[in-house]
Structures are given as C-alpha cells and as structure tokens.
Full PDB file with SEQRES, HELIX, SHEET, SSBOND, CRYST1, ORIGX, SCALE, CONECT and MASTER records, all heavy atoms in Angstrom:
SEQRES   1 A   40  ALA GLU ALA ASP ALA GLU MET ALA LYS ALA LEU ARG LEU          
SEQRES   2 A   40  ASP PRO GLU SER TRP GLU VAL ASN LYS GLU ALA ALA ARG          
SEQRES   3 A   40  MET LEU TYR ARG GLN ARG ARG ILE ASP GLU ALA THR ILE          
SEQRES   4 A   40  HIS                                                          
HELIX    1 AA1 GLU A    2  LEU A   13  1                                  12    
HELIX    2 AA2 TRP A   18  ARG A   30  1                                  13    
HELIX    3 AA3 ILE A   34  ILE A   39  1                                   6    
CRYST1    1.000    1.000    1.000  90.00  90.00  90.00 P 1           1          
ORIGX1      1.000000  0.000000  0.000000        0.00000                         
ORIGX2      0.000000  1.000000  0.000000        0.00000                         
ORIGX3      0.000000  0.000000  1.000000        0.00000                         
SCALE1      1.000000  0.000000  0.000000        0.00000                         
SCALE2      0.000000  1.000000  0.000000        0.00000                         
SCALE3      0.000000  0.000000  1.000000        0.00000                         
ATOM      1  N   ALA A   1      53.688  20.381 -29.766  1.00  0.00           N  
ATOM      2  CA  ALA A   1      52.294  20.587 -29.552  1.00  0.00           C  
ATOM      3  C   ALA A   1      52.078  21.726 -28.546  1.00  0.00           C  
ATOM      4  O   ALA A   1      51.224  22.608 -28.800  1.00  0.00           O  
ATOM      5  CB  ALA A   1      51.656  19.216 -28.871  1.00  0.00           C  
ATOM      6  N   GLU A   2      52.852  21.804 -27.611  1.00  0.00           N  
ATOM      7  CA  GLU A   2      52.765  22.988 -26.679  1.00  0.00           C  
ATOM      8  C   GLU A   2      53.109  24.359 -27.299  1.00  0.00           C  
ATOM      9  O   GLU A   2      52.516  25.351 -27.052  1.00  0.00           O  
ATOM     10  CB  GLU A   2      53.797  22.717 -25.505  1.00  0.00           C  
ATOM     11  CG  GLU A   2      53.251  21.616 -24.544  1.00  0.00           C  
ATOM     12  CD  GLU A   2      54.016  20.363 -24.994  1.00  0.00           C  
ATOM     13  OE1 GLU A   2      54.414  20.246 -26.172  1.00  0.00           O  
ATOM     14  OE2 GLU A   2      53.956  19.367 -24.268  1.00  0.00           O  
ATOM     15  N   ALA A   3      54.053  24.292 -28.198  1.00  0.00           N  
ATOM     16  CA  ALA A   3      54.486  25.477 -29.032  1.00  0.00           C  
ATOM     17  C   ALA A   3      53.281  25.876 -29.909  1.00  0.00           C  
ATOM     18  O   ALA A   3      53.001  27.164 -30.063  1.00  0.00           O  
ATOM     19  CB  ALA A   3      55.643  25.283 -29.832  1.00  0.00           C  
ATOM     20  N   ASP A   4      52.691  24.910 -30.515  1.00  0.00           N  
ATOM     21  CA  ASP A   4      51.434  25.158 -31.395  1.00  0.00           C  
ATOM     22  C   ASP A   4      50.375  25.801 -30.462  1.00  0.00           C  
ATOM     23  O   ASP A   4      49.702  26.800 -31.010  1.00  0.00           O  
ATOM     24  CB  ASP A   4      50.894  24.031 -32.066  1.00  0.00           C  
ATOM     25  CG  ASP A   4      51.849  23.544 -33.246  1.00  0.00           C  
ATOM     26  OD1 ASP A   4      52.665  24.273 -33.588  1.00  0.00           O  
ATOM     27  OD2 ASP A   4      51.661  22.386 -33.779  1.00  0.00           O  
ATOM     28  N   ALA A   5      50.128  25.283 -29.333  1.00  0.00           N  
ATOM     29  CA  ALA A   5      49.107  25.860 -28.529  1.00  0.00           C  
ATOM     30  C   ALA A   5      49.386  27.339 -27.982  1.00  0.00           C  
ATOM     31  O   ALA A   5      48.518  28.213 -28.075  1.00  0.00           O  
ATOM     32  CB  ALA A   5      48.901  24.901 -27.217  1.00  0.00           C  
ATOM     33  N   GLU A   6      50.613  27.607 -27.685  1.00  0.00           N  
ATOM     34  CA  GLU A   6      50.990  28.873 -27.321  1.00  0.00           C  
ATOM     35  C   GLU A   6      50.873  30.032 -28.574  1.00  0.00           C  
ATOM     36  O   GLU A   6      50.379  30.966 -28.350  1.00  0.00           O  
ATOM     37  CB  GLU A   6      52.541  28.884 -26.829  1.00  0.00           C  
ATOM     38  CG  GLU A   6      52.612  28.531 -25.347  1.00  0.00           C  
ATOM     39  CD  GLU A   6      52.016  29.288 -24.339  1.00  0.00           C  
ATOM     40  OE1 GLU A   6      51.982  30.531 -24.490  1.00  0.00           O  
ATOM     41  OE2 GLU A   6      51.314  28.650 -23.415  1.00  0.00           O  
ATOM     42  N   MET A   7      51.255  29.476 -29.597  1.00  0.00           N  
ATOM     43  CA  MET A   7      51.147  30.243 -30.798  1.00  0.00           C  
ATOM     44  C   MET A   7      49.630  30.574 -31.190  1.00  0.00           C  
ATOM     45  O   MET A   7      49.319  31.804 -31.543  1.00  0.00           O  
ATOM     46  CB  MET A   7      51.756  29.597 -32.029  1.00  0.00           C  
ATOM     47  CG  MET A   7      52.222  30.528 -33.103  1.00  0.00           C  
ATOM     48  SD  MET A   7      53.663  31.615 -32.691  1.00  0.00           S  
ATOM     49  CE  MET A   7      52.863  33.189 -32.347  1.00  0.00           C  
ATOM     50  N   ALA A   8      48.849  29.601 -31.057  1.00  0.00           N  
ATOM     51  CA  ALA A   8      47.424  29.729 -31.416  1.00  0.00           C  
ATOM     52  C   ALA A   8      46.754  30.881 -30.273  1.00  0.00           C  
ATOM     53  O   ALA A   8      46.009  31.603 -30.787  1.00  0.00           O  
ATOM     54  CB  ALA A   8      46.730  28.418 -31.246  1.00  0.00           C  
ATOM     55  N   LYS A   9      47.248  30.700 -29.083  1.00  0.00           N  
ATOM     56  CA  LYS A   9      46.762  31.625 -28.098  1.00  0.00           C  
ATOM     57  C   LYS A   9      47.096  33.003 -28.493  1.00  0.00           C  
ATOM     58  O   LYS A   9      46.280  33.993 -28.303  1.00  0.00           O  
ATOM     59  CB  LYS A   9      47.300  31.244 -26.735  1.00  0.00           C  
ATOM     60  CG  LYS A   9      46.951  32.039 -25.602  1.00  0.00           C  
ATOM     61  CD  LYS A   9      47.522  31.609 -24.218  1.00  0.00           C  
ATOM     62  CE  LYS A   9      47.170  32.619 -23.102  1.00  0.00           C  
ATOM     63  NZ  LYS A   9      47.836  32.151 -21.872  1.00  0.00           N  
ATOM     64  N   ALA A  10      48.420  33.224 -28.862  1.00  0.00           N  
ATOM     65  CA  ALA A  10      48.906  34.502 -29.153  1.00  0.00           C  
ATOM     66  C   ALA A  10      48.124  35.145 -30.380  1.00  0.00           C  
ATOM     67  O   ALA A  10      47.876  36.340 -30.507  1.00  0.00           O  
ATOM     68  CB  ALA A  10      50.487  34.484 -29.558  1.00  0.00           C  
ATOM     69  N   LEU A  11      47.838  34.386 -31.335  1.00  0.00           N  
ATOM     70  CA  LEU A  11      47.116  34.749 -32.504  1.00  0.00           C  
ATOM     71  C   LEU A  11      45.704  35.206 -32.173  1.00  0.00           C  
ATOM     72  O   LEU A  11      45.022  36.108 -32.706  1.00  0.00           O  
ATOM     73  CB  LEU A  11      47.030  33.635 -33.668  1.00  0.00           C  
ATOM     74  CG  LEU A  11      48.302  33.431 -34.485  1.00  0.00           C  
ATOM     75  CD1 LEU A  11      48.261  32.233 -35.214  1.00  0.00           C  
ATOM     76  CD2 LEU A  11      48.650  34.652 -35.339  1.00  0.00           C  
ATOM     77  N   ARG A  12      45.020  34.416 -31.237  1.00  0.00           N  
ATOM     78  CA  ARG A  12      43.734  34.763 -30.800  1.00  0.00           C  
ATOM     79  C   ARG A  12      43.643  36.105 -30.049  1.00  0.00           C  
ATOM     80  O   ARG A  12      42.725  36.913 -30.234  1.00  0.00           O  
ATOM     81  CB  ARG A  12      43.139  33.678 -29.910  1.00  0.00           C  
ATOM     82  CG  ARG A  12      42.696  32.476 -30.596  1.00  0.00           C  
ATOM     83  CD  ARG A  12      41.647  31.590 -29.715  1.00  0.00           C  
ATOM     84  NE  ARG A  12      42.472  31.229 -28.394  1.00  0.00           N  
ATOM     85  CZ  ARG A  12      43.152  30.130 -28.241  1.00  0.00           C  
ATOM     86  NH1 ARG A  12      43.373  29.390 -29.312  1.00  0.00           N  
ATOM     87  NH2 ARG A  12      43.764  29.999 -27.060  1.00  0.00           N  
ATOM     88  N   LEU A  13      44.826  36.371 -29.339  1.00  0.00           N  
ATOM     89  CA  LEU A  13      44.851  37.491 -28.444  1.00  0.00           C  
ATOM     90  C   LEU A  13      45.227  38.858 -29.289  1.00  0.00           C  
ATOM     91  O   LEU A  13      44.749  39.907 -29.046  1.00  0.00           O  
ATOM     92  CB  LEU A  13      45.882  37.478 -27.403  1.00  0.00           C  
ATOM     93  CG  LEU A  13      45.557  36.404 -26.235  1.00  0.00           C  
ATOM     94  CD1 LEU A  13      46.839  36.213 -25.399  1.00  0.00           C  
ATOM     95  CD2 LEU A  13      44.386  36.950 -25.371  1.00  0.00           C  
ATOM     96  N   ASP A  14      46.039  38.666 -30.419  1.00  0.00           N  
ATOM     97  CA  ASP A  14      46.514  39.849 -31.273  1.00  0.00           C  
ATOM     98  C   ASP A  14      46.665  39.325 -32.629  1.00  0.00           C  
ATOM     99  O   ASP A  14      47.774  39.342 -33.173  1.00  0.00           O  
ATOM    100  CB  ASP A  14      47.829  40.262 -30.571  1.00  0.00           C  
ATOM    101  CG  ASP A  14      48.088  41.701 -31.124  1.00  0.00           C  
ATOM    102  OD1 ASP A  14      47.272  42.263 -31.987  1.00  0.00           O  
ATOM    103  OD2 ASP A  14      49.074  42.323 -30.737  1.00  0.00           O  
ATOM    104  N   PRO A  15      45.455  39.147 -33.330  1.00  0.00           N  
ATOM    105  CA  PRO A  15      45.590  38.589 -34.693  1.00  0.00           C  
ATOM    106  C   PRO A  15      46.173  39.602 -35.660  1.00  0.00           C  
ATOM    107  O   PRO A  15      46.564  39.161 -36.934  1.00  0.00           O  
ATOM    108  CB  PRO A  15      44.082  38.277 -35.107  1.00  0.00           C  
ATOM    109  CG  PRO A  15      43.294  39.140 -34.229  1.00  0.00           C  
ATOM    110  CD  PRO A  15      44.090  39.292 -32.899  1.00  0.00           C  
ATOM    111  N   GLU A  16      46.212  40.816 -35.386  1.00  0.00           N  
ATOM    112  CA  GLU A  16      46.826  41.846 -36.312  1.00  0.00           C  
ATOM    113  C   GLU A  16      48.246  42.231 -36.022  1.00  0.00           C  
ATOM    114  O   GLU A  16      48.812  42.989 -36.768  1.00  0.00           O  
ATOM    115  CB  GLU A  16      45.876  43.156 -36.240  1.00  0.00           C  
ATOM    116  CG  GLU A  16      44.475  43.025 -36.575  1.00  0.00           C  
ATOM    117  CD  GLU A  16      44.300  42.502 -37.980  1.00  0.00           C  
ATOM    118  OE1 GLU A  16      44.922  43.092 -39.012  1.00  0.00           O  
ATOM    119  OE2 GLU A  16      43.548  41.537 -38.226  1.00  0.00           O  
ATOM    120  N   SER A  17      48.913  41.447 -35.089  1.00  0.00           N  
ATOM    121  CA  SER A  17      50.217  41.762 -34.719  1.00  0.00           C  
ATOM    122  C   SER A  17      51.194  41.300 -35.754  1.00  0.00           C  
ATOM    123  O   SER A  17      51.155  40.148 -36.265  1.00  0.00           O  
ATOM    124  CB  SER A  17      50.533  41.141 -33.366  1.00  0.00           C  
ATOM    125  OG  SER A  17      51.935  41.071 -33.129  1.00  0.00           O  
ATOM    126  N   TRP A  18      52.067  42.210 -36.181  1.00  0.00           N  
ATOM    127  CA  TRP A  18      53.119  41.835 -37.152  1.00  0.00           C  
ATOM    128  C   TRP A  18      54.103  40.812 -36.542  1.00  0.00           C  
ATOM    129  O   TRP A  18      54.375  39.722 -37.021  1.00  0.00           O  
ATOM    130  CB  TRP A  18      53.931  43.093 -37.394  1.00  0.00           C  
ATOM    131  CG  TRP A  18      55.327  42.833 -38.125  1.00  0.00           C  
ATOM    132  CD1 TRP A  18      55.660  42.476 -39.409  1.00  0.00           C  
ATOM    133  CD2 TRP A  18      56.589  42.733 -37.391  1.00  0.00           C  
ATOM    134  NE1 TRP A  18      56.916  42.282 -39.524  1.00  0.00           N  
ATOM    135  CE2 TRP A  18      57.568  42.395 -38.299  1.00  0.00           C  
ATOM    136  CE3 TRP A  18      56.919  43.181 -35.965  1.00  0.00           C  
ATOM    137  CZ2 TRP A  18      58.925  42.298 -37.928  1.00  0.00           C  
ATOM    138  CZ3 TRP A  18      58.324  42.991 -35.804  1.00  0.00           C  
ATOM    139  CH2 TRP A  18      59.221  42.617 -36.671  1.00  0.00           C  
ATOM    140  N   GLU A  19      54.452  41.007 -35.194  1.00  0.00           N  
ATOM    141  CA  GLU A  19      55.502  40.058 -34.627  1.00  0.00           C  
ATOM    142  C   GLU A  19      54.802  38.708 -34.443  1.00  0.00           C  
ATOM    143  O   GLU A  19      55.329  37.680 -34.651  1.00  0.00           O  
ATOM    144  CB  GLU A  19      55.777  40.607 -33.332  1.00  0.00           C  
ATOM    145  CG  GLU A  19      56.815  39.730 -32.591  1.00  0.00           C  
ATOM    146  CD  GLU A  19      57.111  40.289 -31.130  1.00  0.00           C  
ATOM    147  OE1 GLU A  19      56.630  41.206 -30.651  1.00  0.00           O  
ATOM    148  OE2 GLU A  19      58.162  39.675 -30.554  1.00  0.00           O  
ATOM    149  N   VAL A  20      53.571  38.647 -34.085  1.00  0.00           N  
ATOM    150  CA  VAL A  20      52.860  37.358 -33.806  1.00  0.00           C  
ATOM    151  C   VAL A  20      52.670  36.609 -35.028  1.00  0.00           C  
ATOM    152  O   VAL A  20      52.991  35.334 -35.170  1.00  0.00           O  
ATOM    153  CB  VAL A  20      51.553  37.567 -33.130  1.00  0.00           C  
ATOM    154  CG1 VAL A  20      50.655  36.269 -32.972  1.00  0.00           C  
ATOM    155  CG2 VAL A  20      51.771  38.049 -31.556  1.00  0.00           C  
ATOM    156  N   ASN A  21      52.304  37.286 -36.188  1.00  0.00           N  
ATOM    157  CA  ASN A  21      52.035  36.701 -37.465  1.00  0.00           C  
ATOM    158  C   ASN A  21      53.347  36.163 -38.001  1.00  0.00           C  
ATOM    159  O   ASN A  21      53.403  34.978 -38.561  1.00  0.00           O  
ATOM    160  CB  ASN A  21      51.392  37.595 -38.394  1.00  0.00           C  
ATOM    161  CG  ASN A  21      49.919  37.536 -38.227  1.00  0.00           C  
ATOM    162  OD1 ASN A  21      49.178  36.610 -38.675  1.00  0.00           O  
ATOM    163  ND2 ASN A  21      49.359  38.628 -37.480  1.00  0.00           N  
ATOM    164  N   LYS A  22      54.385  36.923 -37.877  1.00  0.00           N  
ATOM    165  CA  LYS A  22      55.629  36.442 -38.347  1.00  0.00           C  
ATOM    166  C   LYS A  22      56.180  35.318 -37.585  1.00  0.00           C  
ATOM    167  O   LYS A  22      56.738  34.240 -38.220  1.00  0.00           O  
ATOM    168  CB  LYS A  22      56.568  37.658 -38.350  1.00  0.00           C  
ATOM    169  CG  LYS A  22      58.025  37.367 -39.126  1.00  0.00           C  
ATOM    170  CD  LYS A  22      58.846  38.533 -39.220  1.00  0.00           C  
ATOM    171  CE  LYS A  22      60.090  38.338 -39.851  1.00  0.00           C  
ATOM    172  NZ  LYS A  22      60.962  39.513 -39.952  1.00  0.00           N  
ATOM    173  N   GLU A  23      56.059  35.319 -36.314  1.00  0.00           N  
ATOM    174  CA  GLU A  23      56.457  34.113 -35.538  1.00  0.00           C  
ATOM    175  C   GLU A  23      55.750  32.869 -35.832  1.00  0.00           C  
ATOM    176  O   GLU A  23      56.246  31.768 -35.913  1.00  0.00           O  
ATOM    177  CB  GLU A  23      56.499  34.516 -34.128  1.00  0.00           C  
ATOM    178  CG  GLU A  23      57.035  33.435 -33.108  1.00  0.00           C  
ATOM    179  CD  GLU A  23      58.609  33.279 -33.274  1.00  0.00           C  
ATOM    180  OE1 GLU A  23      59.198  34.120 -33.952  1.00  0.00           O  
ATOM    181  OE2 GLU A  23      59.143  32.343 -32.757  1.00  0.00           O  
ATOM    182  N   ALA A  24      54.441  32.958 -35.924  1.00  0.00           N  
ATOM    183  CA  ALA A  24      53.532  31.888 -36.330  1.00  0.00           C  
ATOM    184  C   ALA A  24      54.046  31.388 -37.655  1.00  0.00           C  
ATOM    185  O   ALA A  24      54.126  30.062 -37.886  1.00  0.00           O  
ATOM    186  CB  ALA A  24      52.112  32.350 -36.405  1.00  0.00           C  
ATOM    187  N   ALA A  25      54.233  32.237 -38.705  1.00  0.00           N  
ATOM    188  CA  ALA A  25      54.687  31.790 -40.041  1.00  0.00           C  
ATOM    189  C   ALA A  25      55.934  31.005 -39.937  1.00  0.00           C  
ATOM    190  O   ALA A  25      56.169  29.998 -40.569  1.00  0.00           O  
ATOM    191  CB  ALA A  25      54.685  32.988 -40.964  1.00  0.00           C  
ATOM    192  N   ARG A  26      56.913  31.624 -39.155  1.00  0.00           N  
ATOM    193  CA  ARG A  26      58.306  30.993 -39.058  1.00  0.00           C  
ATOM    194  C   ARG A  26      58.123  29.543 -38.496  1.00  0.00           C  
ATOM    195  O   ARG A  26      58.755  28.590 -39.014  1.00  0.00           O  
ATOM    196  CB  ARG A  26      59.151  31.813 -38.130  1.00  0.00           C  
ATOM    197  CG  ARG A  26      60.528  31.302 -38.011  1.00  0.00           C  
ATOM    198  CD  ARG A  26      61.165  31.857 -36.637  1.00  0.00           C  
ATOM    199  NE  ARG A  26      60.344  31.559 -35.422  1.00  0.00           N  
ATOM    200  CZ  ARG A  26      60.448  30.346 -34.929  1.00  0.00           C  
ATOM    201  NH1 ARG A  26      61.178  29.522 -35.328  1.00  0.00           N  
ATOM    202  NH2 ARG A  26      59.677  30.210 -33.785  1.00  0.00           N  
ATOM    203  N   MET A  27      57.221  29.435 -37.434  1.00  0.00           N  
ATOM    204  CA  MET A  27      57.074  28.196 -36.708  1.00  0.00           C  
ATOM    205  C   MET A  27      56.379  27.123 -37.663  1.00  0.00           C  
ATOM    206  O   MET A  27      56.808  25.901 -37.961  1.00  0.00           O  
ATOM    207  CB  MET A  27      56.263  28.233 -35.490  1.00  0.00           C  
ATOM    208  CG  MET A  27      56.149  26.901 -34.692  1.00  0.00           C  
ATOM    209  SD  MET A  27      54.990  27.163 -33.312  1.00  0.00           S  
ATOM    210  CE  MET A  27      53.376  27.238 -34.175  1.00  0.00           C  
ATOM    211  N   LEU A  28      55.404  27.606 -38.415  1.00  0.00           N  
ATOM    212  CA  LEU A  28      54.720  26.853 -39.457  1.00  0.00           C  
ATOM    213  C   LEU A  28      55.638  26.291 -40.545  1.00  0.00           C  
ATOM    214  O   LEU A  28      55.564  25.115 -41.021  1.00  0.00           O  
ATOM    215  CB  LEU A  28      53.392  27.346 -39.989  1.00  0.00           C  
ATOM    216  CG  LEU A  28      52.368  27.654 -38.916  1.00  0.00           C  
ATOM    217  CD1 LEU A  28      51.391  28.699 -39.334  1.00  0.00           C  
ATOM    218  CD2 LEU A  28      51.659  26.379 -38.586  1.00  0.00           C  
ATOM    219  N   TYR A  29      56.485  27.265 -41.009  1.00  0.00           N  
ATOM    220  CA  TYR A  29      57.314  26.951 -42.142  1.00  0.00           C  
ATOM    221  C   TYR A  29      58.388  25.913 -41.747  1.00  0.00           C  
ATOM    222  O   TYR A  29      58.561  24.948 -42.383  1.00  0.00           O  
ATOM    223  CB  TYR A  29      58.184  28.288 -42.525  1.00  0.00           C  
ATOM    224  CG  TYR A  29      58.916  28.076 -43.729  1.00  0.00           C  
ATOM    225  CD1 TYR A  29      58.512  28.085 -45.031  1.00  0.00           C  
ATOM    226  CD2 TYR A  29      60.303  27.751 -43.545  1.00  0.00           C  
ATOM    227  CE1 TYR A  29      59.224  27.924 -46.165  1.00  0.00           C  
ATOM    228  CE2 TYR A  29      61.161  27.523 -44.676  1.00  0.00           C  
ATOM    229  CZ  TYR A  29      60.701  27.738 -45.975  1.00  0.00           C  
ATOM    230  OH  TYR A  29      61.417  27.502 -46.994  1.00  0.00           O  
ATOM    231  N   ARG A  30      58.855  25.871 -40.501  1.00  0.00           N  
ATOM    232  CA  ARG A  30      59.737  24.887 -40.049  1.00  0.00           C  
ATOM    233  C   ARG A  30      59.034  23.544 -39.907  1.00  0.00           C  
ATOM    234  O   ARG A  30      59.799  22.525 -39.992  1.00  0.00           O  
ATOM    235  CB  ARG A  30      60.388  25.336 -38.666  1.00  0.00           C  
ATOM    236  CG  ARG A  30      61.343  26.506 -38.762  1.00  0.00           C  
ATOM    237  CD  ARG A  30      61.961  26.842 -37.434  1.00  0.00           C  
ATOM    238  NE  ARG A  30      62.750  27.968 -37.497  1.00  0.00           N  
ATOM    239  CZ  ARG A  30      63.537  28.425 -36.586  1.00  0.00           C  
ATOM    240  NH1 ARG A  30      63.573  27.813 -35.371  1.00  0.00           N  
ATOM    241  NH2 ARG A  30      64.295  29.470 -36.584  1.00  0.00           N  
ATOM    242  N   GLN A  31      57.868  23.475 -39.771  1.00  0.00           N  
ATOM    243  CA  GLN A  31      57.109  22.253 -39.600  1.00  0.00           C  
ATOM    244  C   GLN A  31      56.678  21.817 -41.103  1.00  0.00           C  
ATOM    245  O   GLN A  31      55.946  20.881 -41.186  1.00  0.00           O  
ATOM    246  CB  GLN A  31      55.826  22.401 -38.778  1.00  0.00           C  
ATOM    247  CG  GLN A  31      56.208  22.729 -37.369  1.00  0.00           C  
ATOM    248  CD  GLN A  31      55.053  22.881 -36.402  1.00  0.00           C  
ATOM    249  OE1 GLN A  31      53.928  22.456 -36.793  1.00  0.00           O  
ATOM    250  NE2 GLN A  31      55.265  23.587 -35.283  1.00  0.00           N  
ATOM    251  N   ARG A  32      57.046  22.589 -42.006  1.00  0.00           N  
ATOM    252  CA  ARG A  32      56.784  22.316 -43.364  1.00  0.00           C  
ATOM    253  C   ARG A  32      55.245  22.380 -43.699  1.00  0.00           C  
ATOM    254  O   ARG A  32      54.630  21.733 -44.551  1.00  0.00           O  
ATOM    255  CB  ARG A  32      57.222  21.059 -43.938  1.00  0.00           C  
ATOM    256  CG  ARG A  32      57.589  21.004 -45.450  1.00  0.00           C  
ATOM    257  CD  ARG A  32      58.148  19.789 -45.961  1.00  0.00           C  
ATOM    258  NE  ARG A  32      58.265  19.646 -47.376  1.00  0.00           N  
ATOM    259  CZ  ARG A  32      59.438  19.975 -48.108  1.00  0.00           C  
ATOM    260  NH1 ARG A  32      60.560  20.216 -47.459  1.00  0.00           N  
ATOM    261  NH2 ARG A  32      59.370  19.811 -49.357  1.00  0.00           N  
ATOM    262  N   ARG A  33      54.558  23.395 -42.951  1.00  0.00           N  
ATOM    263  CA  ARG A  33      53.149  23.492 -43.188  1.00  0.00           C  
ATOM    264  C   ARG A  33      53.002  24.863 -43.996  1.00  0.00           C  
ATOM    265  O   ARG A  33      52.667  25.955 -43.456  1.00  0.00           O  
ATOM    266  CB  ARG A  33      52.485  23.614 -41.832  1.00  0.00           C  
ATOM    267  CG  ARG A  33      52.421  22.324 -40.966  1.00  0.00           C  
ATOM    268  CD  ARG A  33      52.189  22.556 -39.520  1.00  0.00           C  
ATOM    269  NE  ARG A  33      50.963  23.082 -39.195  1.00  0.00           N  
ATOM    270  CZ  ARG A  33      50.508  23.269 -37.945  1.00  0.00           C  
ATOM    271  NH1 ARG A  33      51.336  23.092 -36.855  1.00  0.00           N  
ATOM    272  NH2 ARG A  33      49.418  23.977 -37.622  1.00  0.00           N  
ATOM    273  N   ILE A  34      53.496  24.744 -45.205  1.00  0.00           N  
ATOM    274  CA  ILE A  34      53.872  25.901 -46.108  1.00  0.00           C  
ATOM    275  C   ILE A  34      52.537  26.701 -46.327  1.00  0.00           C  
ATOM    276  O   ILE A  34      52.572  27.998 -46.282  1.00  0.00           O  
ATOM    277  CB  ILE A  34      54.402  25.344 -47.399  1.00  0.00           C  
ATOM    278  CG1 ILE A  34      55.651  24.594 -47.095  1.00  0.00           C  
ATOM    279  CG2 ILE A  34      54.741  26.688 -48.292  1.00  0.00           C  
ATOM    280  CD1 ILE A  34      56.802  25.389 -46.351  1.00  0.00           C  
ATOM    281  N   ASP A  35      51.436  25.992 -46.557  1.00  0.00           N  
ATOM    282  CA  ASP A  35      50.176  26.779 -46.944  1.00  0.00           C  
ATOM    283  C   ASP A  35      49.711  27.670 -45.743  1.00  0.00           C  
ATOM    284  O   ASP A  35      49.289  28.905 -45.922  1.00  0.00           O  
ATOM    285  CB  ASP A  35      48.994  25.818 -47.298  1.00  0.00           C  
ATOM    286  CG  ASP A  35      49.183  25.166 -48.651  1.00  0.00           C  
ATOM    287  OD1 ASP A  35      50.058  25.549 -49.353  1.00  0.00           O  
ATOM    288  OD2 ASP A  35      48.541  24.157 -48.924  1.00  0.00           O  
ATOM    289  N   GLU A  36      49.892  27.231 -44.511  1.00  0.00           N  
ATOM    290  CA  GLU A  36      49.558  27.934 -43.410  1.00  0.00           C  
ATOM    291  C   GLU A  36      50.692  29.079 -43.133  1.00  0.00           C  
ATOM    292  O   GLU A  36      50.190  30.206 -42.821  1.00  0.00           O  
ATOM    293  CB  GLU A  36      49.458  27.000 -42.244  1.00  0.00           C  
ATOM    294  CG  GLU A  36      48.327  26.035 -42.131  1.00  0.00           C  
ATOM    295  CD  GLU A  36      48.448  25.020 -41.102  1.00  0.00           C  
ATOM    296  OE1 GLU A  36      48.049  25.206 -40.071  1.00  0.00           O  
ATOM    297  OE2 GLU A  36      48.989  23.887 -41.375  1.00  0.00           O  
ATOM    298  N   ALA A  37      51.762  28.756 -43.258  1.00  0.00           N  
ATOM    299  CA  ALA A  37      52.864  29.686 -43.028  1.00  0.00           C  
ATOM    300  C   ALA A  37      52.670  30.931 -44.047  1.00  0.00           C  
ATOM    301  O   ALA A  37      52.895  32.005 -43.730  1.00  0.00           O  
ATOM    302  CB  ALA A  37      54.222  29.101 -43.269  1.00  0.00           C  
ATOM    303  N   THR A  38      52.283  30.577 -45.319  1.00  0.00           N  
ATOM    304  CA  THR A  38      52.013  31.637 -46.295  1.00  0.00           C  
ATOM    305  C   THR A  38      51.076  32.767 -45.848  1.00  0.00           C  
ATOM    306  O   THR A  38      51.225  33.903 -45.998  1.00  0.00           O  
ATOM    307  CB  THR A  38      51.477  30.997 -47.609  1.00  0.00           C  
ATOM    308  OG1 THR A  38      52.539  30.049 -48.032  1.00  0.00           O  
ATOM    309  CG2 THR A  38      51.318  32.050 -48.688  1.00  0.00           C  
ATOM    310  N   ILE A  39      49.973  32.343 -45.223  1.00  0.00           N  
ATOM    311  CA  ILE A  39      48.891  33.140 -44.810  1.00  0.00           C  
ATOM    312  C   ILE A  39      49.442  34.288 -43.855  1.00  0.00           C  
ATOM    313  O   ILE A  39      49.304  35.346 -43.928  1.00  0.00           O  
ATOM    314  CB  ILE A  39      47.774  32.360 -44.022  1.00  0.00           C  
ATOM    315  CG1 ILE A  39      47.029  31.496 -45.156  1.00  0.00           C  
ATOM    316  CG2 ILE A  39      46.901  33.302 -43.381  1.00  0.00           C  
ATOM    317  CD1 ILE A  39      46.059  30.462 -44.526  1.00  0.00           C  
ATOM    318  N   HIS A  40      50.329  33.712 -42.838  1.00  0.00           N  
ATOM    319  CA  HIS A  40      50.882  34.553 -41.751  1.00  0.00           C  
ATOM    320  C   HIS A  40      52.034  35.380 -42.377  1.00  0.00           C  
ATOM    321  O   HIS A  40      52.125  36.553 -41.879  1.00  0.00           O  
ATOM    322  CB  HIS A  40      51.201  33.725 -40.510  1.00  0.00           C  
ATOM    323  CG  HIS A  40      50.072  33.175 -39.944  1.00  0.00           C  
ATOM    324  ND1 HIS A  40      49.097  33.888 -39.298  1.00  0.00           N  
ATOM    325  CD2 HIS A  40      49.659  31.790 -39.907  1.00  0.00           C  
ATOM    326  CE1 HIS A  40      48.067  33.032 -38.772  1.00  0.00           C  
ATOM    327  NE2 HIS A  40      48.415  31.785 -39.212  1.00  0.00           N  
TER     328      HIS A  40                                                      
MASTER        0    0    0    3    0    0    0    6  327    1    0    4          
END                                                                             
C-alpha cells in the first residue's frame, strides 16, 4: 500500500517521465494488474 502511494505521488509529479512510468508499470505487473501496467 505504501509502495502504491509513493508510485502514485511520483506519477503526479512527473507523468511524462520514462523512468517513473516504467517503474510504475513494473510494480503493477508484479501485482498482476496487467491492464494498468500496459498503460505505463
């Protein structure tokens, strides 16, 4: 939950960042949230 909150914060601060989007996607994929991971 804390990791999700930190990731959401990073996406708000820099939504166009390659690194932030890739890290968000990686985390979502590991949680099997495939549709969300695909977007990032």
